[in-house]
PDB file of N, CA and C in Angstrom:
ATOM      1  N   MET A   1     165.247 126.751 105.856  1.00  0.00           N
ATOM      2  CA  MET A   1     166.304 126.332 106.760  1.00  0.00           C
ATOM      3  C   MET A   1     167.526 127.255 106.651  1.00  0.00           C
ATOM      4  N   ARG A   2     167.783 127.721 105.435  1.00  0.00           N
ATOM      5  CA  ARG A   2     168.940 128.612 105.255  1.00  0.00           C
ATOM      6  C   ARG A   2     168.797 129.885 106.070  1.00  0.00           C
ATOM      7  N   LYS A   3     167.574 130.425 106.136  1.00  0.00           N
ATOM      8  CA  LYS A   3     167.342 131.658 106.905  1.00  0.00           C
ATOM      9  C   LYS A   3     167.572 131.432 108.387  1.00  0.00           C
ATOM     10  N   ILE A   4     167.170 130.289 108.905  1.00  0.00           N
ATOM     11  CA  ILE A   4     167.375 129.989 110.323  1.00  0.00           C
ATOM     12  C   ILE A   4     168.866 129.882 110.615  1.00  0.00           C
ATOM     13  N   LEU A   5     169.588 129.210 109.759  1.00  0.00           N
ATOM     14  CA  LEU A   5     171.040 129.105 109.941  1.00  0.00           C
ATOM     15  C   LEU A   5     171.700 130.472 109.847  1.00  0.00           C
ATOM     16  N   TRP A   6     171.219 131.308 108.918  1.00  0.00           N
ATOM     17  CA  TRP A   6     171.740 132.668 108.797  1.00  0.00           C
ATOM     18  C   TRP A   6     171.506 133.443 110.089  1.00  0.00           C
ATOM     19  N   LEU A   7     170.296 133.323 110.655  1.00  0.00           N
ATOM     20  CA  LEU A   7     169.966 134.014 111.898  1.00  0.00           C
ATOM     21  C   LEU A   7     170.916 133.587 113.019  1.00  0.00           C
ATOM     22  N   ILE A   8     171.154 132.304 113.127  1.00  0.00           N
ATOM     23  CA  ILE A   8     172.060 131.789 114.165  1.00  0.00           C
ATOM     24  C   ILE A   8     173.460 132.368 113.990  1.00  0.00           C
ATOM     25  N   GLU A   9     173.938 132.390 112.763  1.00  0.00           N
ATOM     26  CA  GLU A   9     175.295 132.869 112.489  1.00  0.00           C
ATOM     27  C   GLU A   9     175.442 134.380 112.686  1.00  0.00           C
ATOM     28  N   HIS A  10     174.361 135.145 112.491  1.00  0.00           N
ATOM     29  CA  HIS A  10     174.440 136.604 112.527  1.00  0.00           C
ATOM     30  C   HIS A  10     173.683 137.243 113.691  1.00  0.00           C
ATOM     31  N   ALA A  11     173.261 136.461 114.634  1.00  0.00           N
ATOM     32  CA  ALA A  11     172.423 136.968 115.740  1.00  0.00           C
ATOM     33  C   ALA A  11     173.079 138.126 116.496  1.00  0.00           C
ATOM     34  N   GLU A  12     174.367 138.097 116.653  1.00  0.00           N
ATOM     35  CA  GLU A  12     175.065 139.153 117.383  1.00  0.00           C
ATOM     36  C   GLU A  12     175.195 140.436 116.565  1.00  0.00           C
ATOM     37  N   GLU A  13     175.075 140.340 115.256  1.00  0.00           N
ATOM     38  CA  GLU A  13     175.334 141.470 114.372  1.00  0.00           C
ATOM     39  C   GLU A  13     174.091 142.265 113.990  1.00  0.00           C
ATOM     40  N   ILE A  14     172.919 141.663 114.086  1.00  0.00           N
ATOM     41  CA  ILE A  14     171.724 142.327 113.587  1.00  0.00           C
ATOM     42  C   ILE A  14     170.902 142.945 114.718  1.00  0.00           C
ATOM     43  N   ALA A  15     170.121 143.938 114.348  1.00  0.00           N
ATOM     44  CA  ALA A  15     169.221 144.582 115.316  1.00  0.00           C
ATOM     45  C   ALA A  15     167.902 143.809 115.322  1.00  0.00           C
ATOM     46  N   HIS A  16     167.575 143.242 116.453  1.00  0.00           N
ATOM     47  CA  HIS A  16     166.332 142.491 116.603  1.00  0.00           C
ATOM     48  C   HIS A  16     165.271 143.451 117.126  1.00  0.00           C
ATOM     49  N   ARG A  17     164.214 143.615 116.367  1.00  0.00           N
ATOM     50  CA  ARG A  17     163.121 144.492 116.796  1.00  0.00           C
ATOM     51  C   ARG A  17     161.911 143.630 117.119  1.00  0.00           C
ATOM     52  N   PRO A  18     161.342 143.821 118.300  1.00  0.00           N
ATOM     53  CA  PRO A  18     160.194 142.979 118.670  1.00  0.00           C
ATOM     54  C   PRO A  18     158.966 143.275 117.819  1.00  0.00           C
ATOM     55  N   ILE A  19     158.164 142.246 117.650  1.00  0.00           N
ATOM     56  CA  ILE A  19     156.873 142.399 116.994  1.00  0.00           C
ATOM     57  C   ILE A  19     156.010 143.232 117.920  1.00  0.00           C
ATOM     58  N   LYS A  20     155.301 144.179 117.384  1.00  0.00           N
ATOM     59  CA  LYS A  20     154.491 145.089 118.186  1.00  0.00           C
ATOM     60  C   LYS A  20     153.569 144.312 119.129  1.00  0.00           C
ATOM     61  N   GLY A  21     153.653 144.636 120.424  1.00  0.00           N
ATOM     62  CA  GLY A  21     152.799 144.006 121.421  1.00  0.00           C
ATOM     63  C   GLY A  21     153.219 142.596 121.805  1.00  0.00           C
ATOM     64  N   SER A  22     154.460 142.218 121.514  1.00  0.00           N
ATOM     65  CA  SER A  22     154.906 140.848 121.765  1.00  0.00           C
ATOM     66  C   SER A  22     156.364 140.832 122.207  1.00  0.00           C
ATOM     67  N   GLU A  23     156.760 139.735 122.813  1.00  0.00           N
ATOM     68  CA  GLU A  23     158.168 139.530 123.147  1.00  0.00           C
ATOM     69  C   GLU A  23     158.915 138.860 122.002  1.00  0.00           C
ATOM     70  N   PHE A  24     158.179 138.441 120.967  1.00  0.00           N
ATOM     71  CA  PHE A  24     158.774 137.747 119.835  1.00  0.00           C
ATOM     72  C   PHE A  24     159.409 138.715 118.859  1.00  0.00           C
ATOM     73  N   PHE A  25     160.404 138.202 118.157  1.00  0.00           N
ATOM     74  CA  PHE A  25     161.007 138.872 117.013  1.00  0.00           C
ATOM     75  C   PHE A  25     160.567 138.086 115.789  1.00  0.00           C
ATOM     76  N   SER A  26     160.781 138.627 114.590  1.00  0.00           N
ATOM     77  CA  SER A  26     160.333 137.927 113.399  1.00  0.00           C
ATOM     78  C   SER A  26     161.383 137.992 112.304  1.00  0.00           C
ATOM     79  N   LEU A  27     161.674 136.843 111.750  1.00  0.00           N
ATOM     80  CA  LEU A  27     162.569 136.740 110.605  1.00  0.00           C
ATOM     81  C   LEU A  27     161.694 136.495 109.380  1.00  0.00           C
ATOM     82  N   HIS A  28     161.894 137.267 108.328  1.00  0.00           N
ATOM     83  CA  HIS A  28     161.082 137.146 107.122  1.00  0.00           C
ATOM     84  C   HIS A  28     161.832 136.308 106.094  1.00  0.00           C
ATOM     85  N   SER A  29     161.101 135.416 105.465  1.00  0.00           N
ATOM     86  CA  SER A  29     161.658 134.602 104.390  1.00  0.00           C
ATOM     87  C   SER A  29     160.566 134.435 103.338  1.00  0.00           C
ATOM     88  N   GLY A  30     160.597 135.281 102.323  1.00  0.00           N
ATOM     89  CA  GLY A  30     159.538 135.266 101.322  1.00  0.00           C
ATOM     90  C   GLY A  30     158.213 135.625 101.969  1.00  0.00           C
ATOM     91  N   SER A  31     157.199 134.803 101.762  1.00  0.00           N
ATOM     92  CA  SER A  31     155.889 135.070 102.374  1.00  0.00           C
ATOM     93  C   SER A  31     155.758 134.427 103.749  1.00  0.00           C
ATOM     94  N   TYR A  32     156.824 133.825 104.233  1.00  0.00           N
ATOM     95  CA  TYR A  32     156.806 133.167 105.542  1.00  0.00           C
ATOM     96  C   TYR A  32     157.415 134.048 106.618  1.00  0.00           C
ATOM     97  N   ARG A  33     156.951 133.823 107.855  1.00  0.00           N
ATOM     98  CA  ARG A  33     157.502 134.491 109.029  1.00  0.00           C
ATOM     99  C   ARG A  33     157.970 133.424 109.998  1.00  0.00           C
ATOM    100  N   LEU A  34     159.112 133.680 110.593  1.00  0.00           N
ATOM    101  CA  LEU A  34     159.680 132.762 111.570  1.00  0.00           C
ATOM    102  C   LEU A  34     159.777 133.510 112.891  1.00  0.00           C
ATOM    103  N   PRO A  35     158.740 133.460 113.699  1.00  0.00           N
ATOM    104  CA  PRO A  35     158.795 134.136 114.993  1.00  0.00           C
ATOM    105  C   PRO A  35     159.814 133.439 115.896  1.00  0.00           C
ATOM    106  N   TYR A  36     160.576 134.235 116.651  1.00  0.00           N
ATOM    107  CA  TYR A  36     161.576 133.641 117.539  1.00  0.00           C
ATOM    108  C   TYR A  36     161.750 134.483 118.786  1.00  0.00           C
ATOM    109  N   LEU A  37     162.278 133.843 119.797  1.00  0.00           N
ATOM    110  CA  LEU A  37     162.641 134.501 121.053  1.00  0.00           C
ATOM    111  C   LEU A  37     164.143 134.401 121.212  1.00  0.00           C
ATOM    112  N   ILE A  38     164.712 135.329 121.947  1.00  0.00           N
ATOM    113  CA  ILE A  38     166.148 135.305 122.231  1.00  0.00           C
ATOM    114  C   ILE A  38     166.344 135.204 123.734  1.00  0.00           C
ATOM    115  N   ASP A  39     167.143 134.240 124.135  1.00  0.00           N
ATOM    116  CA  ASP A  39     167.550 134.109 125.538  1.00  0.00           C
ATOM    117  C   ASP A  39     169.036 134.417 125.567  1.00  0.00           C
ATOM    118  N   ARG A  40     169.347 135.672 125.817  1.00  0.00           N
ATOM    119  CA  ARG A  40     170.753 136.105 125.763  1.00  0.00           C
ATOM    120  C   ARG A  40     171.607 135.453 126.847  1.00  0.00           C
ATOM    121  N   SER A  41     171.032 135.200 128.010  1.00  0.00           N
ATOM    122  CA  SER A  41     171.811 134.586 129.092  1.00  0.00           C
ATOM    123  C   SER A  41     172.242 133.162 128.741  1.00  0.00           C
ATOM    124  N   GLN A  42     171.418 132.458 127.980  1.00  0.00           N
ATOM    125  CA  GLN A  42     171.733 131.094 127.558  1.00  0.00           C
ATOM    126  C   GLN A  42     172.319 131.038 126.140  1.00  0.00           C
ATOM    127  N   LYS A  43     172.355 132.199 125.489  1.00  0.00           N
ATOM    128  CA  LYS A  43     172.793 132.289 124.093  1.00  0.00           C
ATOM    129  C   LYS A  43     171.967 131.349 123.210  1.00  0.00           C
ATOM    130  N   LEU A  44     170.638 131.483 123.349  1.00  0.00           N
ATOM    131  CA  LEU A  44     169.715 130.647 122.593  1.00  0.00           C
ATOM    132  C   LEU A  44     168.778 131.495 121.747  1.00  0.00           C
ATOM    133  N   ILE A  45     168.443 130.970 120.588  1.00  0.00           N
ATOM    134  CA  ILE A  45     167.368 131.498 119.771  1.00  0.00           C
ATOM    135  C   ILE A  45     166.334 130.385 119.694  1.00  0.00           C
ATOM    136  N   VAL A  46     165.121 130.691 120.094  1.00  0.00           N
ATOM    137  CA  VAL A  46     164.067 129.685 120.145  1.00  0.00           C
ATOM    138  C   VAL A  46     163.036 129.986 119.064  1.00  0.00           C
ATOM    139  N   ASN A  47     162.843 129.026 118.175  1.00  0.00           N
ATOM    140  CA  ASN A  47     161.838 129.135 117.116  1.00  0.00           C
ATOM    141  C   ASN A  47     161.063 127.833 117.073  1.00  0.00           C
ATOM    142  N   ASP A  48     159.743 127.929 117.204  1.00  0.00           N
ATOM    143  CA  ASP A  48     158.950 126.703 117.108  1.00  0.00           C
ATOM    144  C   ASP A  48     157.794 126.845 116.137  1.00  0.00           C
ATOM    145  N   ASP A  49     157.893 127.831 115.252  1.00  0.00           N
ATOM    146  CA  ASP A  49     156.811 128.044 114.303  1.00  0.00           C
ATOM    147  C   ASP A  49     157.356 128.664 113.028  1.00  0.00           C
ATOM    148  N   ILE A  50     156.870 128.184 111.916  1.00  0.00           N
ATOM    149  CA  ILE A  50     157.128 128.795 110.619  1.00  0.00           C
ATOM    150  C   ILE A  50     155.779 128.794 109.921  1.00  0.00           C
ATOM    151  N   ALA A  51     155.313 129.961 109.523  1.00  0.00           N
ATOM    152  CA  ALA A  51     153.974 130.040 108.938  1.00  0.00           C
ATOM    153  C   ALA A  51     153.889 131.204 107.965  1.00  0.00           C
ATOM    154  N   GLN A  52     152.848 131.187 107.155  1.00  0.00           N
ATOM    155  CA  GLN A  52     152.567 132.314 106.291  1.00  0.00           C
ATOM    156  C   GLN A  52     152.362 133.560 107.162  1.00  0.00           C
ATOM    157  N   HIS A  53     152.551 134.719 106.600  1.00  0.00           N
ATOM    158  CA  HIS A  53     152.533 135.988 107.323  1.00  0.00           C
ATOM    159  C   HIS A  53     151.370 136.114 108.314  1.00  0.00           C
ATOM    160  N   ASP A  54     150.145 136.099 107.848  1.00  0.00           N
ATOM    161  CA  ASP A  54     148.998 136.324 108.729  1.00  0.00           C
ATOM    162  C   ASP A  54     148.850 135.235 109.782  1.00  0.00           C
ATOM    163  N   ALA A  55     149.037 133.989 109.393  1.00  0.00           N
ATOM    164  CA  ALA A  55     148.903 132.876 110.341  1.00  0.00           C
ATOM    165  C   ALA A  55     149.948 132.978 111.452  1.00  0.00           C
ATOM    166  N   ALA A  56     151.170 133.354 111.101  1.00  0.00           N
ATOM    167  CA  ALA A  56     152.230 133.485 112.104  1.00  0.00           C
ATOM    168  C   ALA A  56     151.879 134.562 113.130  1.00  0.00           C
ATOM    169  N   TYR A  57     151.422 135.718 112.659  1.00  0.00           N
ATOM    170  CA  TYR A  57     151.095 136.800 113.577  1.00  0.00           C
ATOM    171  C   TYR A  57     149.841 136.505 114.394  1.00  0.00           C
ATOM    172  N   ASP A  58     148.885 135.800 113.800  1.00  0.00           N
ATOM    173  CA  ASP A  58     147.692 135.403 114.560  1.00  0.00           C
ATOM    174  C   ASP A  58     148.070 134.487 115.714  1.00  0.00           C
ATOM    175  N   ARG A  59     148.979 133.549 115.483  1.00  0.00           N
ATOM    176  CA  ARG A  59     149.413 132.636 116.549  1.00  0.00           C
ATOM    177  C   ARG A  59     150.149 133.383 117.658  1.00  0.00           C
ATOM    178  N   ILE A  60     150.970 134.340 117.281  1.00  0.00           N
ATOM    179  CA  ILE A  60     151.721 135.113 118.272  1.00  0.00           C
ATOM    180  C   ILE A  60     150.762 135.902 119.175  1.00  0.00           C
ATOM    181  N   LYS A  61     149.731 136.485 118.569  1.00  0.00           N
ATOM    182  CA  LYS A  61     148.764 137.262 119.352  1.00  0.00           C
ATOM    183  C   LYS A  61     148.073 136.415 120.402  1.00  0.00           C
ATOM    184  N   LYS A  62     147.907 135.124 120.151  1.00  0.00           N
ATOM    185  CA  LYS A  62     147.214 134.228 121.069  1.00  0.00           C
ATOM    186  C   LYS A  62     148.095 133.775 122.228  1.00  0.00           C
ATOM    187  N   LEU A  63     149.395 133.898 122.080  1.00  0.00           N
ATOM    188  CA  LEU A  63     150.325 133.459 123.126  1.00  0.00           C
ATOM    189  C   LEU A  63     150.438 134.489 124.224  1.00  0.00           C
ATOM    190  N   LYS A  64     150.543 134.039 125.428  1.00  0.00           N
ATOM    191  CA  LYS A  64     150.770 134.906 126.585  1.00  0.00           C
ATOM    192  C   LYS A  64     152.067 134.460 127.236  1.00  0.00           C
ATOM    193  N   LEU A  65     153.121 135.259 127.120  1.00  0.00           N
ATOM    194  CA  LEU A  65     154.405 134.901 127.739  1.00  0.00           C
ATOM    195  C   LEU A  65     154.633 135.737 128.963  1.00  0.00           C
TER     196      LEU A  65
END
């Protein structure tokens, strides 16, 4: 939870790099990945998944946005 709050507080300051082949960005927290999307027009960060590294990326690959 601390990492998510950190992301919200620092979203304007950090460089968000997309995950290769995806519209998602990824926040790392230990062995976990928090994939997220940014809606700059609404000033929103959307995260609906927290998973271990491989599981998180496998789920992202299955999504079609």
